[in-house]
Structures are given as C-alpha cells and as structure tokens.
PDB file of N, CA and C in Angstrom:
ATOM      1  N   MET A   1       0.841  -1.164   0.000  1.00  0.00           N
ATOM      2  CA  MET A   1       0.000   0.000   0.000  1.00  0.00           C
ATOM      3  C   MET A   1       0.896   1.241   0.000  1.00  0.00           C
ATOM      4  N   PRO A   2       0.654   2.196  -0.912  1.00  0.00           N
ATOM      5  CA  PRO A   2       1.504   3.397  -0.969  1.00  0.00           C
ATOM      6  C   PRO A   2       1.264   4.307   0.225  1.00  0.00           C
ATOM      7  N   ASP A   3       2.349   5.104   0.525  1.00  0.00           N
ATOM      8  CA  ASP A   3       2.248   6.073   1.620  1.00  0.00           C
ATOM      9  C   ASP A   3       1.268   7.181   1.251  1.00  0.00           C
ATOM     10  N   VAL A   4       0.593   7.680   2.229  1.00  0.00           N
ATOM     11  CA  VAL A   4      -0.365   8.769   2.017  1.00  0.00           C
ATOM     12  C   VAL A   4       0.406  10.086   2.060  1.00  0.00           C
ATOM     13  N   ILE A   5       0.207  10.941   1.038  1.00  0.00           N
ATOM     14  CA  ILE A   5       0.896  12.234   0.963  1.00  0.00           C
ATOM     15  C   ILE A   5      -0.047  13.314   1.444  1.00  0.00           C
ATOM     16  N   ASN A   6       0.413  14.117   2.382  1.00  0.00           N
ATOM     17  CA  ASN A   6      -0.372  15.240   2.890  1.00  0.00           C
ATOM     18  C   ASN A   6      -0.189  16.400   1.914  1.00  0.00           C
ATOM     19  N   MET A   7      -1.187  16.758   1.155  1.00  0.00           N
ATOM     20  CA  MET A   7      -1.094  17.798   0.134  1.00  0.00           C
ATOM     21  C   MET A   7      -0.961  19.189   0.742  1.00  0.00           C
ATOM     22  N   ASP A   8      -1.389  19.410   1.984  1.00  0.00           N
ATOM     23  CA  ASP A   8      -1.250  20.726   2.616  1.00  0.00           C
ATOM     24  C   ASP A   8       0.208  21.034   2.931  1.00  0.00           C
ATOM     25  N   ALA A   9       1.021  20.012   3.200  1.00  0.00           N
ATOM     26  CA  ALA A   9       2.424  20.217   3.553  1.00  0.00           C
ATOM     27  C   ALA A   9       3.336  20.145   2.339  1.00  0.00           C
ATOM     28  N   ALA A  10       2.806  19.795   1.173  1.00  0.00           N
ATOM     29  CA  ALA A  10       3.635  19.666  -0.025  1.00  0.00           C
ATOM     30  C   ALA A  10       4.062  21.038  -0.534  1.00  0.00           C
ATOM     31  N   ARG A  11       5.282  21.122  -0.994  1.00  0.00           N
ATOM     32  CA  ARG A  11       5.848  22.362  -1.527  1.00  0.00           C
ATOM     33  C   ARG A  11       6.391  22.117  -2.926  1.00  0.00           C
ATOM     34  N   ALA A  12       6.362  23.138  -3.758  1.00  0.00           N
ATOM     35  CA  ALA A  12       6.904  23.021  -5.108  1.00  0.00           C
ATOM     36  C   ALA A  12       8.421  23.077  -5.082  1.00  0.00           C
ATOM     37  N   SER A  13       8.981  23.698  -4.075  1.00  0.00           N
ATOM     38  CA  SER A  13      10.427  23.857  -3.971  1.00  0.00           C
ATOM     39  C   SER A  13      10.826  23.675  -2.516  1.00  0.00           C
ATOM     40  N   PRO A  14      11.996  23.068  -2.270  1.00  0.00           N
ATOM     41  CA  PRO A  14      12.413  22.913  -0.876  1.00  0.00           C
ATOM     42  C   PRO A  14      12.710  24.244  -0.193  1.00  0.00           C
ATOM     43  N   VAL A  15      12.891  25.317  -0.954  1.00  0.00           N
ATOM     44  CA  VAL A  15      13.218  26.621  -0.377  1.00  0.00           C
ATOM     45  C   VAL A  15      11.956  27.437  -0.099  1.00  0.00           C
ATOM     46  N   SER A  16      10.830  26.984  -0.587  1.00  0.00           N
ATOM     47  CA  SER A  16       9.625  27.800  -0.516  1.00  0.00           C
ATOM     48  C   SER A  16       9.095  28.001   0.897  1.00  0.00           C
ATOM     49  N   ASN A  17       9.558  27.254   1.888  1.00  0.00           N
ATOM     50  CA  ASN A  17       9.077  27.448   3.248  1.00  0.00           C
ATOM     51  C   ASN A  17      10.016  28.314   4.081  1.00  0.00           C
ATOM     52  N   VAL A  18      10.896  29.060   3.430  1.00  0.00           N
ATOM     53  CA  VAL A  18      11.856  29.919   4.120  1.00  0.00           C
ATOM     54  C   VAL A  18      11.154  30.962   4.972  1.00  0.00           C
ATOM     55  N   HIS A  19      10.077  31.511   4.472  1.00  0.00           N
ATOM     56  CA  HIS A  19       9.386  32.577   5.195  1.00  0.00           C
ATOM     57  C   HIS A  19       8.689  32.063   6.460  1.00  0.00           C
ATOM     58  N   GLN A  20       8.388  30.780   6.488  1.00  0.00           N
ATOM     59  CA  GLN A  20       7.724  30.236   7.661  1.00  0.00           C
ATOM     60  C   GLN A  20       8.705  29.903   8.774  1.00  0.00           C
ATOM     61  N   ASN A  21       9.864  29.356   8.424  1.00  0.00           N
ATOM     62  CA  ASN A  21      10.849  28.939   9.423  1.00  0.00           C
ATOM     63  C   ASN A  21      12.230  29.501   9.075  1.00  0.00           C
ATOM     64  N   PRO A  22      12.465  30.791   9.269  1.00  0.00           N
ATOM     65  CA  PRO A  22      13.780  31.331   8.919  1.00  0.00           C
ATOM     66  C   PRO A  22      14.850  30.817   9.872  1.00  0.00           C
ATOM     67  N   PRO A  23      16.083  30.678   9.392  1.00  0.00           N
ATOM     68  CA  PRO A  23      17.175  30.260  10.270  1.00  0.00           C
ATOM     69  C   PRO A  23      17.380  31.267  11.399  1.00  0.00           C
ATOM     70  N   ILE A  24      17.970  30.817  12.476  1.00  0.00           N
ATOM     71  CA  ILE A  24      18.193  31.673  13.639  1.00  0.00           C
ATOM     72  C   ILE A  24      19.186  32.774  13.275  1.00  0.00           C
ATOM     73  N   GLY A  25      18.890  34.012  13.645  1.00  0.00           N
ATOM     74  CA  GLY A  25      19.779  35.141  13.386  1.00  0.00           C
ATOM     75  C   GLY A  25      19.552  35.816  12.055  1.00  0.00           C
ATOM     76  N   VAL A  26      18.628  35.325  11.264  1.00  0.00           N
ATOM     77  CA  VAL A  26      18.363  35.925   9.957  1.00  0.00           C
ATOM     78  C   VAL A  26      17.265  36.964  10.117  1.00  0.00           C
ATOM     79  N   ILE A  27      17.505  38.177   9.569  1.00  0.00           N
ATOM     80  CA  ILE A  27      16.523  39.249   9.731  1.00  0.00           C
ATOM     81  C   ILE A  27      15.571  39.348   8.563  1.00  0.00           C
ATOM     82  N   ASN A  28      15.923  38.767   7.422  1.00  0.00           N
ATOM     83  CA  ASN A  28      14.999  38.806   6.298  1.00  0.00           C
ATOM     84  C   ASN A  28      15.109  37.497   5.512  1.00  0.00           C
ATOM     85  N   GLY A  29      14.305  37.345   4.514  1.00  0.00           N
ATOM     86  CA  GLY A  29      14.285  36.129   3.723  1.00  0.00           C
ATOM     87  C   GLY A  29      15.457  35.978   2.785  1.00  0.00           C
ATOM     88  N   ARG A  30      16.347  36.941   2.728  1.00  0.00           N
ATOM     89  CA  ARG A  30      17.506  36.865   1.846  1.00  0.00           C
ATOM     90  C   ARG A  30      18.657  36.102   2.475  1.00  0.00           C
ATOM     91  N   GLY A  31      18.561  35.767   3.728  1.00  0.00           N
ATOM     92  CA  GLY A  31      19.619  35.006   4.374  1.00  0.00           C
ATOM     93  C   GLY A  31      20.775  35.849   4.858  1.00  0.00           C
ATOM     94  N   ILE A  32      20.547  37.136   5.078  1.00  0.00           N
ATOM     95  CA  ILE A  32      21.612  38.013   5.559  1.00  0.00           C
ATOM     96  C   ILE A  32      21.560  38.039   7.076  1.00  0.00           C
ATOM     97  N   PRO A  33      22.617  37.589   7.745  1.00  0.00           N
ATOM     98  CA  PRO A  33      22.606  37.595   9.209  1.00  0.00           C
ATOM     99  C   PRO A  33      22.538  39.012   9.765  1.00  0.00           C
ATOM    100  N   GLN A  34      21.950  39.140  10.905  1.00  0.00           N
ATOM    101  CA  GLN A  34      21.795  40.432  11.545  1.00  0.00           C
ATOM    102  C   GLN A  34      23.154  40.983  11.948  1.00  0.00           C
ATOM    103  N   GLY A  35      23.408  42.241  11.665  1.00  0.00           N
ATOM    104  CA  GLY A  35      24.637  42.907  12.070  1.00  0.00           C
ATOM    105  C   GLY A  35      25.800  42.719  11.118  1.00  0.00           C
ATOM    106  N   SER A  36      25.669  41.892  10.098  1.00  0.00           N
ATOM    107  CA  SER A  36      26.790  41.707   9.178  1.00  0.00           C
ATOM    108  C   SER A  36      26.460  42.206   7.772  1.00  0.00           C
ATOM    109  N   ARG A  37      25.552  43.133   7.674  1.00  0.00           N
ATOM    110  CA  ARG A  37      25.206  43.705   6.366  1.00  0.00           C
ATOM    111  C   ARG A  37      26.408  44.483   5.847  1.00  0.00           C
ATOM    112  N   LEU A  38      26.819  44.182   4.648  1.00  0.00           N
ATOM    113  CA  LEU A  38      28.002  44.805   4.071  1.00  0.00           C
ATOM    114  C   LEU A  38      27.685  46.210   3.580  1.00  0.00           C
ATOM    115  N   GLN A  39      28.586  47.118   3.833  1.00  0.00           N
ATOM    116  CA  GLN A  39      28.462  48.486   3.346  1.00  0.00           C
ATOM    117  C   GLN A  39      29.284  48.607   2.064  1.00  0.00           C
ATOM    118  N   PRO A  40      28.745  49.276   1.042  1.00  0.00           N
ATOM    119  CA  PRO A  40      29.527  49.428  -0.191  1.00  0.00           C
ATOM    120  C   PRO A  40      30.756  50.294   0.062  1.00  0.00           C
ATOM    121  N   LYS A  41      31.867  49.876  -0.523  1.00  0.00           N
ATOM    122  CA  LYS A  41      33.108  50.636  -0.383  1.00  0.00           C
ATOM    123  C   LYS A  41      33.201  51.655  -1.502  1.00  0.00           C
ATOM    124  N   LYS A  42      33.776  52.784  -1.175  1.00  0.00           N
ATOM    125  CA  LYS A  42      33.990  53.816  -2.175  1.00  0.00           C
ATOM    126  C   LYS A  42      35.311  53.498  -2.857  1.00  0.00           C
ATOM    127  N   LEU A  43      35.257  53.077  -4.101  1.00  0.00           N
ATOM    128  CA  LEU A  43      36.447  52.646  -4.807  1.00  0.00           C
ATOM    129  C   LEU A  43      37.116  53.774  -5.587  1.00  0.00           C
ATOM    130  N   VAL A  44      36.360  54.798  -5.916  1.00  0.00           N
ATOM    131  CA  VAL A  44      36.884  55.883  -6.743  1.00  0.00           C
ATOM    132  C   VAL A  44      36.846  57.174  -5.941  1.00  0.00           C
ATOM    133  N   ARG A  45      37.934  57.899  -5.974  1.00  0.00           N
ATOM    134  CA  ARG A  45      37.957  59.211  -5.321  1.00  0.00           C
ATOM    135  C   ARG A  45      37.214  60.216  -6.183  1.00  0.00           C
ATOM    136  N   GLU A  46      36.546  61.117  -5.539  1.00  0.00           N
ATOM    137  CA  GLU A  46      35.856  62.162  -6.283  1.00  0.00           C
ATOM    138  C   GLU A  46      36.811  63.322  -6.510  1.00  0.00           C
ATOM    139  N   TRP A  47      36.873  63.756  -7.743  1.00  0.00           N
ATOM    140  CA  TRP A  47      37.688  64.911  -8.101  1.00  0.00           C
ATOM    141  C   TRP A  47      36.740  65.993  -8.579  1.00  0.00           C
ATOM    142  N   LYS A  48      36.889  67.146  -8.002  1.00  0.00           N
ATOM    143  CA  LYS A  48      36.073  68.269  -8.430  1.00  0.00           C
ATOM    144  C   LYS A  48      36.996  69.286  -9.081  1.00  0.00           C
ATOM    145  N   ILE A  49      36.828  69.453 -10.361  1.00  0.00           N
ATOM    146  CA  ILE A  49      37.645  70.385 -11.134  1.00  0.00           C
ATOM    147  C   ILE A  49      36.713  71.417 -11.730  1.00  0.00           C
ATOM    148  N   ARG A  50      37.029  72.666 -11.482  1.00  0.00           N
ATOM    149  CA  ARG A  50      36.239  73.753 -12.066  1.00  0.00           C
ATOM    150  C   ARG A  50      36.952  74.238 -13.316  1.00  0.00           C
ATOM    151  N   ALA A  51      36.221  74.317 -14.407  1.00  0.00           N
ATOM    152  CA  ALA A  51      36.789  74.735 -15.686  1.00  0.00           C
ATOM    153  C   ALA A  51      35.983  75.904 -16.238  1.00  0.00           C
ATOM    154  N   GLY A  52      36.625  76.673 -17.080  1.00  0.00           N
ATOM    155  CA  GLY A  52      35.947  77.814 -17.684  1.00  0.00           C
ATOM    156  C   GLY A  52      36.497  78.124 -19.064  1.00  0.00           C
ATOM    157  N   ILE A  53      35.762  78.936 -19.799  1.00  0.00           N
ATOM    158  CA  ILE A  53      36.174  79.398 -21.129  1.00  0.00           C
ATOM    159  C   ILE A  53      36.048  80.916 -21.144  1.00  0.00           C
ATOM    160  N   TRP A  54      37.064  81.562 -21.712  1.00  0.00           N
ATOM    161  CA  TRP A  54      37.055  83.015 -21.763  1.00  0.00           C
ATOM    162  C   TRP A  54      37.558  83.468 -23.135  1.00  0.00           C
ATOM    163  N   ILE A  55      36.783  84.272 -23.825  1.00  0.00           N
ATOM    164  CA  ILE A  55      37.211  84.851 -25.097  1.00  0.00           C
ATOM    165  C   ILE A  55      37.850  86.190 -24.761  1.00  0.00           C
ATOM    166  N   VAL A  56      39.180  86.237 -24.832  1.00  0.00           N
ATOM    167  CA  VAL A  56      39.904  87.421 -24.349  1.00  0.00           C
ATOM    168  C   VAL A  56      40.186  88.452 -25.435  1.00  0.00           C
ATOM    169  N   GLY A  57      40.217  88.040 -26.700  1.00  0.00           N
ATOM    170  CA  GLY A  57      40.530  89.006 -27.759  1.00  0.00           C
ATOM    171  C   GLY A  57      42.032  89.180 -27.918  1.00  0.00           C
ATOM    172  N   THR A  58      42.730  89.458 -26.850  1.00  0.00           N
ATOM    173  CA  THR A  58      44.187  89.541 -26.853  1.00  0.00           C
ATOM    174  C   THR A  58      44.684  89.331 -25.425  1.00  0.00           C
ATOM    175  N   LEU A  59      45.931  88.894 -25.316  1.00  0.00           N
ATOM    176  CA  LEU A  59      46.507  88.665 -23.984  1.00  0.00           C
ATOM    177  C   LEU A  59      47.488  89.754 -23.577  1.00  0.00           C
ATOM    178  N   MET A  60      47.672  90.733 -24.393  1.00  0.00           N
ATOM    179  CA  MET A  60      48.654  91.777 -24.088  1.00  0.00           C
ATOM    180  C   MET A  60      48.279  92.500 -22.796  1.00  0.00           C
ATOM    181  N   GLY A  61      49.066  92.318 -21.761  1.00  0.00           N
ATOM    182  CA  GLY A  61      48.863  92.999 -20.490  1.00  0.00           C
ATOM    183  C   GLY A  61      47.703  92.461 -19.657  1.00  0.00           C
ATOM    184  N   ARG A  62      47.192  91.278 -19.992  1.00  0.00           N
ATOM    185  CA  ARG A  62      46.027  90.764 -19.268  1.00  0.00           C
ATOM    186  C   ARG A  62      46.326  89.498 -18.475  1.00  0.00           C
ATOM    187  N   LEU A  63      47.561  89.073 -18.422  1.00  0.00           N
ATOM    188  CA  LEU A  63      47.871  87.818 -17.734  1.00  0.00           C
ATOM    189  C   LEU A  63      47.568  87.907 -16.236  1.00  0.00           C
ATOM    190  N   ARG A  64      47.884  89.011 -15.609  1.00  0.00           N
ATOM    191  CA  ARG A  64      47.600  89.170 -14.178  1.00  0.00           C
ATOM    192  C   ARG A  64      46.094  89.176 -13.916  1.00  0.00           C
ATOM    193  N   GLU A  65      45.328  89.777 -14.814  1.00  0.00           N
ATOM    194  CA  GLU A  65      43.873  89.798 -14.681  1.00  0.00           C
ATOM    195  C   GLU A  65      43.300  88.379 -14.774  1.00  0.00           C
ATOM    196  N   ILE A  66      43.865  87.579 -15.648  1.00  0.00           N
ATOM    197  CA  ILE A  66      43.411  86.193 -15.798  1.00  0.00           C
ATOM    198  C   ILE A  66      43.665  85.403 -14.517  1.00  0.00           C
ATOM    199  N   VAL A  67      44.829  85.568 -13.932  1.00  0.00           N
ATOM    200  CA  VAL A  67      45.156  84.881 -12.677  1.00  0.00           C
ATOM    201  C   VAL A  67      44.215  85.342 -11.563  1.00  0.00           C
ATOM    202  N   ASP A  68      43.927  86.638 -11.493  1.00  0.00           N
ATOM    203  CA  ASP A  68      43.004  87.148 -10.471  1.00  0.00           C
ATOM    204  C   ASP A  68      41.608  86.529 -10.597  1.00  0.00           C
ATOM    205  N   VAL A  69      41.129  86.417 -11.829  1.00  0.00           N
ATOM    206  CA  VAL A  69      39.806  85.831 -12.055  1.00  0.00           C
ATOM    207  C   VAL A  69      39.805  84.352 -11.660  1.00  0.00           C
ATOM    208  N   MET A  70      40.871  83.634 -12.011  1.00  0.00           N
ATOM    209  CA  MET A  70      40.953  82.213 -11.659  1.00  0.00           C
ATOM    210  C   MET A  70      40.987  82.012 -10.148  1.00  0.00           C
ATOM    211  N   GLU A  71      41.700  82.891  -9.437  1.00  0.00           N
ATOM    212  CA  GLU A  71      41.748  82.771  -7.974  1.00  0.00           C
ATOM    213  C   GLU A  71      40.413  83.137  -7.341  1.00  0.00           C
ATOM    214  N   ARG A  72      39.803  84.208  -7.817  1.00  0.00           N
ATOM    215  CA  ARG A  72      38.543  84.673  -7.237  1.00  0.00           C
ATOM    216  C   ARG A  72      37.414  83.670  -7.460  1.00  0.00           C
ATOM    217  N   ARG A  73      37.344  83.084  -8.648  1.00  0.00           N
ATOM    218  CA  ARG A  73      36.267  82.136  -8.966  1.00  0.00           C
ATOM    219  C   ARG A  73      36.653  80.680  -8.715  1.00  0.00           C
ATOM    220  N   LYS A  74      37.856  80.452  -8.200  1.00  0.00           N
ATOM    221  CA  LYS A  74      38.361  79.112  -7.874  1.00  0.00           C
ATOM    222  C   LYS A  74      38.305  78.186  -9.088  1.00  0.00           C
ATOM    223  N   ILE A  75      38.819  78.682 -10.205  1.00  0.00           N
ATOM    224  CA  ILE A  75      38.865  77.925 -11.451  1.00  0.00           C
ATOM    225  C   ILE A  75      40.197  77.201 -11.543  1.00  0.00           C
ATOM    226  N   ASP A  76      40.145  75.896 -11.852  1.00  0.00           N
ATOM    227  CA  ASP A  76      41.365  75.096 -11.965  1.00  0.00           C
ATOM    228  C   ASP A  76      41.938  75.121 -13.375  1.00  0.00           C
ATOM    229  N   VAL A  77      41.066  75.055 -14.379  1.00  0.00           N
ATOM    230  CA  VAL A  77      41.486  75.033 -15.777  1.00  0.00           C
ATOM    231  C   VAL A  77      40.680  76.090 -16.526  1.00  0.00           C
ATOM    232  N   LEU A  78      41.384  76.941 -17.259  1.00  0.00           N
ATOM    233  CA  LEU A  78      40.706  78.002 -18.008  1.00  0.00           C
ATOM    234  C   LEU A  78      41.168  77.945 -19.454  1.00  0.00           C
ATOM    235  N   ARG A  79      40.212  77.861 -20.374  1.00  0.00           N
ATOM    236  CA  ARG A  79      40.527  77.871 -21.797  1.00  0.00           C
ATOM    237  C   ARG A  79      40.349  79.283 -22.309  1.00  0.00           C
ATOM    238  N   LEU A  80      41.402  79.800 -22.917  1.00  0.00           N
ATOM    239  CA  LEU A  80      41.362  81.148 -23.477  1.00  0.00           C
ATOM    240  C   LEU A  80      41.245  81.053 -24.991  1.00  0.00           C
ATOM    241  N   GLN A  81      40.347  81.832 -25.563  1.00  0.00           N
ATOM    242  CA  GLN A  81      40.163  81.840 -27.004  1.00  0.00           C
ATOM    243  C   GLN A  81      40.508  83.205 -27.560  1.00  0.00           C
ATOM    244  N   GLU A  82      40.941  83.195 -28.814  1.00  0.00           N
ATOM    245  CA  GLU A  82      41.283  84.408 -29.558  1.00  0.00           C
ATOM    246  C   GLU A  82      42.386  85.206 -28.855  1.00  0.00           C
ATOM    247  N   THR A  83      43.463  84.526 -28.506  1.00  0.00           N
ATOM    248  CA  THR A  83      44.580  85.192 -27.832  1.00  0.00           C
ATOM    249  C   THR A  83      45.445  85.989 -28.804  1.00  0.00           C
ATOM    250  N   LYS A  84      45.399  85.641 -30.090  1.00  0.00           N
ATOM    251  CA  LYS A  84      46.178  86.287 -31.151  1.00  0.00           C
ATOM    252  C   LYS A  84      47.669  86.096 -30.971  1.00  0.00           C
ATOM    253  N   TRP A  85      48.074  85.025 -30.279  1.00  0.00           N
ATOM    254  CA  TRP A  85      49.487  84.677 -30.153  1.00  0.00           C
ATOM    255  C   TRP A  85      49.786  83.560 -31.139  1.00  0.00           C
ATOM    256  N   LYS A  86      50.963  83.599 -31.748  1.00  0.00           N
ATOM    257  CA  LYS A  86      51.350  82.597 -32.733  1.00  0.00           C
ATOM    258  C   LYS A  86      52.402  81.677 -32.134  1.00  0.00           C
ATOM    259  N   GLY A  87      52.400  80.432 -32.592  1.00  0.00           N
ATOM    260  CA  GLY A  87      53.388  79.458 -32.143  1.00  0.00           C
ATOM    261  C   GLY A  87      52.817  78.507 -31.102  1.00  0.00           C
ATOM    262  N   ASN A  88      53.653  77.569 -30.694  1.00  0.00           N
ATOM    263  CA  ASN A  88      53.285  76.590 -29.671  1.00  0.00           C
ATOM    264  C   ASN A  88      54.274  76.718 -28.530  1.00  0.00           C
ATOM    265  N   GLU A  89      53.838  77.238 -27.404  1.00  0.00           N
ATOM    266  CA  GLU A  89      54.744  77.448 -26.273  1.00  0.00           C
ATOM    267  C   GLU A  89      54.023  77.272 -24.957  1.00  0.00           C
ATOM    268  N   THR A  90      54.810  77.344 -23.910  1.00  0.00           N
ATOM    269  CA  THR A  90      54.278  77.352 -22.559  1.00  0.00           C
ATOM    270  C   THR A  90      55.010  78.432 -21.775  1.00  0.00           C
ATOM    271  N   ARG A  91      54.286  79.130 -20.916  1.00  0.00           N
ATOM    272  CA  ARG A  91      54.881  80.201 -20.102  1.00  0.00           C
ATOM    273  C   ARG A  91      54.389  80.078 -18.672  1.00  0.00           C
ATOM    274  N   ALA A  92      55.269  80.357 -17.736  1.00  0.00           N
ATOM    275  CA  ALA A  92      54.862  80.423 -16.333  1.00  0.00           C
ATOM    276  C   ALA A  92      54.322  81.826 -16.094  1.00  0.00           C
ATOM    277  N   ILE A  93      53.057  81.929 -15.740  1.00  0.00           N
ATOM    278  CA  ILE A  93      52.440  83.233 -15.494  1.00  0.00           C
ATOM    279  C   ILE A  93      52.798  83.706 -14.092  1.00  0.00           C
ATOM    280  N   GLU A  94      52.562  82.835 -13.130  1.00  0.00           N
ATOM    281  CA  GLU A  94      52.796  83.127 -11.723  1.00  0.00           C
ATOM    282  C   GLU A  94      53.044  81.794 -11.032  1.00  0.00           C
ATOM    283  N   ILE A  95      53.394  81.813  -9.773  1.00  0.00           N
ATOM    284  CA  ILE A  95      53.619  80.565  -9.054  1.00  0.00           C
ATOM    285  C   ILE A  95      52.315  79.771  -9.015  1.00  0.00           C
ATOM    286  N   GLY A  96      52.354  78.568  -9.550  1.00  0.00           N
ATOM    287  CA  GLY A  96      51.172  77.713  -9.574  1.00  0.00           C
ATOM    288  C   GLY A  96      50.314  77.864 -10.818  1.00  0.00           C
ATOM    289  N   TYR A  97      50.662  78.764 -11.719  1.00  0.00           N
ATOM    290  CA  TYR A  97      49.872  78.989 -12.927  1.00  0.00           C
ATOM    291  C   TYR A  97      50.780  78.879 -14.134  1.00  0.00           C
ATOM    292  N   ARG A  98      50.314  78.153 -15.135  1.00  0.00           N
ATOM    293  CA  ARG A  98      51.087  77.973 -16.341  1.00  0.00           C
ATOM    294  C   ARG A  98      50.151  78.160 -17.534  1.00  0.00           C
ATOM    295  N   LEU A  99      50.653  78.827 -18.560  1.00  0.00           N
ATOM    296  CA  LEU A  99      49.879  79.092 -19.770  1.00  0.00           C
ATOM    297  C   LEU A  99      50.450  78.251 -20.907  1.00  0.00           C
ATOM    298  N   TYR A 100      49.607  77.402 -21.494  1.00  0.00           N
ATOM    299  CA  TYR A 100      49.964  76.628 -22.671  1.00  0.00           C
ATOM    300  C   TYR A 100      49.161  77.217 -23.824  1.00  0.00           C
ATOM    301  N   TYR A 101      49.817  77.499 -24.915  1.00  0.00           N
ATOM    302  CA  TYR A 101      49.060  78.051 -26.037  1.00  0.00           C
ATOM    303  C   TYR A 101      49.526  77.498 -27.363  1.00  0.00           C
ATOM    304  N   ILE A 102      48.594  77.454 -28.289  1.00  0.00           N
ATOM    305  CA  ILE A 102      48.837  77.046 -29.668  1.00  0.00           C
ATOM    306  C   ILE A 102      48.198  78.108 -30.533  1.00  0.00           C
ATOM    307  N   GLY A 103      49.025  78.815 -31.312  1.00  0.00           N
ATOM    308  CA  GLY A 103      48.499  79.884 -32.166  1.00  0.00           C
ATOM    309  C   GLY A 103      48.785  79.580 -33.621  1.00  0.00           C
ATOM    310  N   ARG A 104      47.891  80.019 -34.465  1.00  0.00           N
ATOM    311  CA  ARG A 104      48.031  79.807 -35.901  1.00  0.00           C
ATOM    312  C   ARG A 104      48.071  81.157 -36.602  1.00  0.00           C
ATOM    313  N   ASN A 105      48.563  81.132 -37.853  1.00  0.00           N
ATOM    314  CA  ASN A 105      48.609  82.360 -38.655  1.00  0.00           C
ATOM    315  C   ASN A 105      47.244  82.835 -39.029  1.00  0.00           C
TER     316      ASN A 105
END
C-alpha cells in the first residue's frame, strides 16, 4: 500500500518554506545575518575640477587679470580663445599657474 501524501504540507520547492521557518539570526528572507550587512566601499575618489572658457581678444597685459579671475572664482582650468598669439609654447604666469598656447597664422 503506498504512503499517504499530505497535500497541505507539499511544496513546489524545498526553499519555498523559508518565510515560515527562517534560520536563527536571519533578519529577512535573503539570508543576511543580523549585524553583518556589508556596506559598499567607495572605490573611486571624487575629483572636483572647475573649468571655464574666456574669449579674451588679446593677452597683451592681461595675464595678471586672468590669474586674479581664476583665484577669485576658484577655477582650476581656463581655456582662453582668440589670444592672437602665434606658435606653440608654454609660459609660467605666476607661481602655480602655467599658460599653454597654440596659435596659428
């Protein structure tokens, strides 16, 4: 004679009764023990760089003004357009400031 199966206790999956009898120390149905929830690590440093663009027309006698504006507005990188300088060079404007330029005919 075959064994009698209780249909009320039958489950489609052996895991399906997790919500009824959770393991000791588990706070939710995901199986994460209490107090050991992992915190995400910050893997990348945040860099905040302020940049700007300025159409100057010419740079003759305006280098100090450019440095003043960069300091006042806390700009790290400033792109200058229409400088009217020719050639490819770099110049130290002031301590901590350097001007790189590329000019065409």
